Protein backbone atom coordinates (compact mmCIF):
# COMPACT_ATOMS: atom_id res chain seq x y z
CA MET A 1 25.61 13.40 27.19
CA ILE A 2 26.01 14.56 23.59
CA ARG A 3 23.88 17.44 22.41
CA ARG A 4 23.61 18.74 18.90
CA THR A 5 23.91 22.48 18.91
CA ARG A 6 22.80 22.93 15.33
CA LYS A 7 20.36 20.98 13.24
CA ASP A 8 21.85 18.58 10.71
CA PRO A 9 20.02 19.30 7.43
CA ASP A 10 20.89 15.89 5.95
CA ARG A 11 19.31 13.97 8.81
CA PRO A 12 15.52 13.44 8.54
CA THR A 13 13.27 14.57 11.36
CA GLY A 14 10.93 12.27 13.25
CA ALA A 15 7.96 13.58 11.28
CA GLU A 16 9.73 12.90 7.99
CA ILE A 17 10.60 9.37 9.05
CA GLN A 18 7.03 8.73 10.14
CA ALA A 19 5.67 10.10 6.84
CA ALA A 20 8.05 7.84 4.89
CA GLU A 21 7.00 4.78 6.90
CA HIS A 22 3.34 5.69 6.38
CA GLU A 23 3.85 5.99 2.62
CA ALA A 24 5.71 2.66 2.50
CA ALA A 25 2.89 0.93 4.40
CA LYS A 26 0.33 2.48 2.05
CA GLN A 27 2.24 1.20 -0.98
CA ARG A 28 2.45 -2.32 0.51
CA ILE A 29 -1.31 -2.36 1.14
CA LEU A 30 -2.07 -1.12 -2.39
CA ALA A 31 0.26 -3.73 -3.90
CA GLN A 32 -1.38 -6.50 -1.87
CA ALA A 33 -4.87 -5.32 -2.86
CA GLU A 34 -3.87 -5.24 -6.53
CA ALA A 35 -2.46 -8.78 -6.28
CA GLU A 36 -5.69 -10.07 -4.73
CA ARG A 37 -8.01 -8.14 -7.08
CA THR A 38 -10.48 -10.10 -9.18
CA PRO A 39 -10.33 -8.98 -12.81
CA LEU A 40 -13.49 -7.30 -14.09
CA ASP A 41 -13.87 -9.88 -16.87
CA ASP A 42 -14.27 -12.66 -14.29
CA THR A 43 -17.07 -10.87 -12.45
CA THR A 44 -19.21 -10.03 -15.48
CA GLN A 45 -19.61 -13.48 -17.01
CA ALA A 46 -23.11 -14.90 -16.88
CA VAL A 47 -23.46 -18.26 -15.14
CA PRO A 48 -26.47 -20.43 -16.10
CA ASP A 49 -28.80 -21.51 -13.31
CA ARG A 50 -29.25 -25.05 -14.59
CA ARG A 51 -27.39 -27.40 -16.81
CA ARG A 52 -28.95 -28.34 -20.12
CA ARG A 53 -29.67 -32.02 -20.59
């Protein structure tokens, strides 16, 4: 069994890896939400109830 006797400063810890994965997931969700967002201009246009004859 191999044991590290001293901590390798260049190697990320489990908490750092988890934080990076969390941030990446957050960015993916925000990007998807932005892609699916309805522009404000489309939601503020008035739509008539009836057609004019």
